[in-house]
Amino acid sequence: MSEKKSLDFRKAVKHMMVERDMAQYELGEKMGFKQKQGISQFLAKKDFKLNTEIVYVADLLGYDVKVTLIDRQSGKTLDVD
């Protein structure tokens, strides 16, 4: 059975980085940020975009969208609030 946790996206990213033993600047490089503070600025954002069309239509219909991140190696899941 998979381990379930519910986190906000920032905490989920930090959790995944710990799981992968990855520094923040390394994730920033993978995301294409040229400067080390790019990832910090990204994580400081108020809102993160998840295919806005899906969220928009679901909202119009009175639904919320739930995001579950799944570790490809272990199968553990993280629910994102």
C-alpha atoms as a PDB file:
ATOM      1  CA  MET A   1       0.000   0.000   0.000  1.00  0.00           C
ATOM      2  CA  SER A   2       1.316   3.509  -0.830  1.00  0.00           C
ATOM      3  CA  GLU A   3       2.177   6.053   1.792  1.00  0.00           C
ATOM      4  CA  LYS A   4      -0.246   9.028   1.619  1.00  0.00           C
ATOM      5  CA  LYS A   5       0.622  12.577   2.613  1.00  0.00           C
ATOM      6  CA  SER A   6      -1.115  15.831   1.827  1.00  0.00           C
ATOM      7  CA  LEU A   7       1.129  18.861   1.267  1.00  0.00           C
ATOM      8  CA  ASP A   8       1.004  22.237  -0.395  1.00  0.00           C
ATOM      9  CA  PHE A   9       3.002  22.333  -3.619  1.00  0.00           C
ATOM     10  CA  ARG A  10       6.023  24.127  -2.149  1.00  0.00           C
ATOM     11  CA  LYS A  11       6.332  21.571   0.644  1.00  0.00           C
ATOM     12  CA  ALA A  12       5.796  18.744  -1.849  1.00  0.00           C
ATOM     13  CA  VAL A  13       8.657  20.039  -4.023  1.00  0.00           C
ATOM     14  CA  LYS A  14      10.940  20.293  -1.001  1.00  0.00           C
ATOM     15  CA  HIS A  15       9.925  16.789   0.096  1.00  0.00           C
ATOM     16  CA  MET A  16      10.685  15.393  -3.365  1.00  0.00           C
ATOM     17  CA  MET A  17      14.066  17.146  -3.432  1.00  0.00           C
ATOM     18  CA  VAL A  18      14.959  15.539  -0.091  1.00  0.00           C
ATOM     19  CA  GLU A  19      13.834  12.138  -1.402  1.00  0.00           C
ATOM     20  CA  ARG A  20      16.123  12.615  -4.431  1.00  0.00           C
ATOM     21  CA  ASP A  21      18.964  14.190  -2.421  1.00  0.00           C
ATOM     22  CA  MET A  22      18.770  17.174  -4.771  1.00  0.00           C
ATOM     23  CA  ALA A  23      19.745  20.734  -3.923  1.00  0.00           C
ATOM     24  CA  GLN A  24      17.450  23.608  -4.830  1.00  0.00           C
ATOM     25  CA  TYR A  25      19.940  24.994  -7.366  1.00  0.00           C
ATOM     26  CA  GLU A  26      20.076  21.579  -9.096  1.00  0.00           C
ATOM     27  CA  LEU A  27      16.317  21.619  -9.599  1.00  0.00           C
ATOM     28  CA  GLY A  28      16.634  25.195 -10.849  1.00  0.00           C
ATOM     29  CA  GLU A  29      19.194  24.073 -13.448  1.00  0.00           C
ATOM     30  CA  LYS A  30      16.894  21.247 -14.597  1.00  0.00           C
ATOM     31  CA  MET A  31      14.072  23.783 -14.948  1.00  0.00           C
ATOM     32  CA  GLY A  32      16.280  26.022 -17.082  1.00  0.00           C
ATOM     33  CA  PHE A  33      16.840  28.860 -14.626  1.00  0.00           C
ATOM     34  CA  LYS A  34      20.032  30.745 -15.418  1.00  0.00           C
ATOM     35  CA  GLN A  35      20.483  32.162 -11.928  1.00  0.00           C
ATOM     36  CA  LYS A  36      20.440  30.319  -8.612  1.00  0.00           C
ATOM     37  CA  GLN A  37      17.665  32.505  -7.199  1.00  0.00           C
ATOM     38  CA  GLY A  38      15.325  31.506 -10.054  1.00  0.00           C
ATOM     39  CA  ILE A  39      14.057  28.426  -8.228  1.00  0.00           C
ATOM     40  CA  SER A  40      13.575  30.425  -5.020  1.00  0.00           C
ATOM     41  CA  GLN A  41      11.499  32.977  -6.903  1.00  0.00           C
ATOM     42  CA  PHE A  42       9.522  30.167  -8.553  1.00  0.00           C
ATOM     43  CA  LEU A  43       8.733  28.530  -5.204  1.00  0.00           C
ATOM     44  CA  ALA A  44       7.789  31.914  -3.691  1.00  0.00           C
ATOM     45  CA  LYS A  45       4.971  32.397  -6.206  1.00  0.00           C
ATOM     46  CA  LYS A  46       1.469  32.637  -4.801  1.00  0.00           C
ATOM     47  CA  ASP A  47      -0.123  30.398  -7.415  1.00  0.00           C
ATOM     48  CA  PHE A  48       1.160  27.609  -9.615  1.00  0.00           C
ATOM     49  CA  LYS A  49      -0.460  26.873 -12.955  1.00  0.00           C
ATOM     50  CA  LEU A  50      -1.894  23.443 -13.588  1.00  0.00           C
ATOM     51  CA  ASN A  51      -3.320  23.328 -17.072  1.00  0.00           C
ATOM     52  CA  THR A  52      -5.575  26.307 -16.559  1.00  0.00           C
ATOM     53  CA  GLU A  53      -8.230  25.011 -18.968  1.00  0.00           C
ATOM     54  CA  ILE A  54      -8.855  21.887 -16.892  1.00  0.00           C
ATOM     55  CA  VAL A  55      -9.047  23.865 -13.654  1.00  0.00           C
ATOM     56  CA  TYR A  56     -11.273  26.507 -15.272  1.00  0.00           C
ATOM     57  CA  VAL A  57     -13.819  24.029 -16.642  1.00  0.00           C
ATOM     58  CA  ALA A  58     -13.862  21.976 -13.433  1.00  0.00           C
ATOM     59  CA  ASP A  59     -14.480  25.172 -11.439  1.00  0.00           C
ATOM     60  CA  LEU A  60     -17.350  26.187 -13.707  1.00  0.00           C
ATOM     61  CA  LEU A  61     -18.910  22.780 -13.082  1.00  0.00           C
ATOM     62  CA  GLY A  62     -18.457  23.058  -9.327  1.00  0.00           C
ATOM     63  CA  TYR A  63     -15.516  20.667  -9.040  1.00  0.00           C
ATOM     64  CA  ASP A  64     -12.061  20.985  -7.558  1.00  0.00           C
ATOM     65  CA  VAL A  65      -8.989  19.430  -9.139  1.00  0.00           C
ATOM     66  CA  LYS A  66      -6.877  17.128  -6.985  1.00  0.00           C
ATOM     67  CA  VAL A  67      -3.216  16.567  -7.788  1.00  0.00           C
ATOM     68  CA  THR A  68      -1.376  13.441  -6.708  1.00  0.00           C
ATOM     69  CA  LEU A  69       2.371  13.172  -7.294  1.00  0.00           C
ATOM     70  CA  ILE A  70       3.650   9.604  -7.687  1.00  0.00           C
ATOM     71  CA  ASP A  71       7.282   8.640  -7.107  1.00  0.00           C
ATOM     72  CA  ARG A  72       8.275   6.617 -10.174  1.00  0.00           C
ATOM     73  CA  GLN A  73      10.804   4.608  -8.190  1.00  0.00           C
ATOM     74  CA  SER A  74       8.881   3.716  -5.039  1.00  0.00           C
ATOM     75  CA  GLY A  75       5.262   4.260  -5.988  1.00  0.00           C
ATOM     76  CA  LYS A  76       4.733   6.484  -2.915  1.00  0.00           C
ATOM     77  CA  THR A  77       2.191   9.230  -3.433  1.00  0.00           C
ATOM     78  CA  LEU A  78       1.937  12.831  -2.283  1.00  0.00           C
ATOM     79  CA  ASP A  79      -1.429  14.583  -2.455  1.00  0.00           C
ATOM     80  CA  VAL A  80      -0.987  18.284  -3.192  1.00  0.00           C
ATOM     81  CA  ASP A  81      -3.419  20.779  -1.698  1.00  0.00           C
END
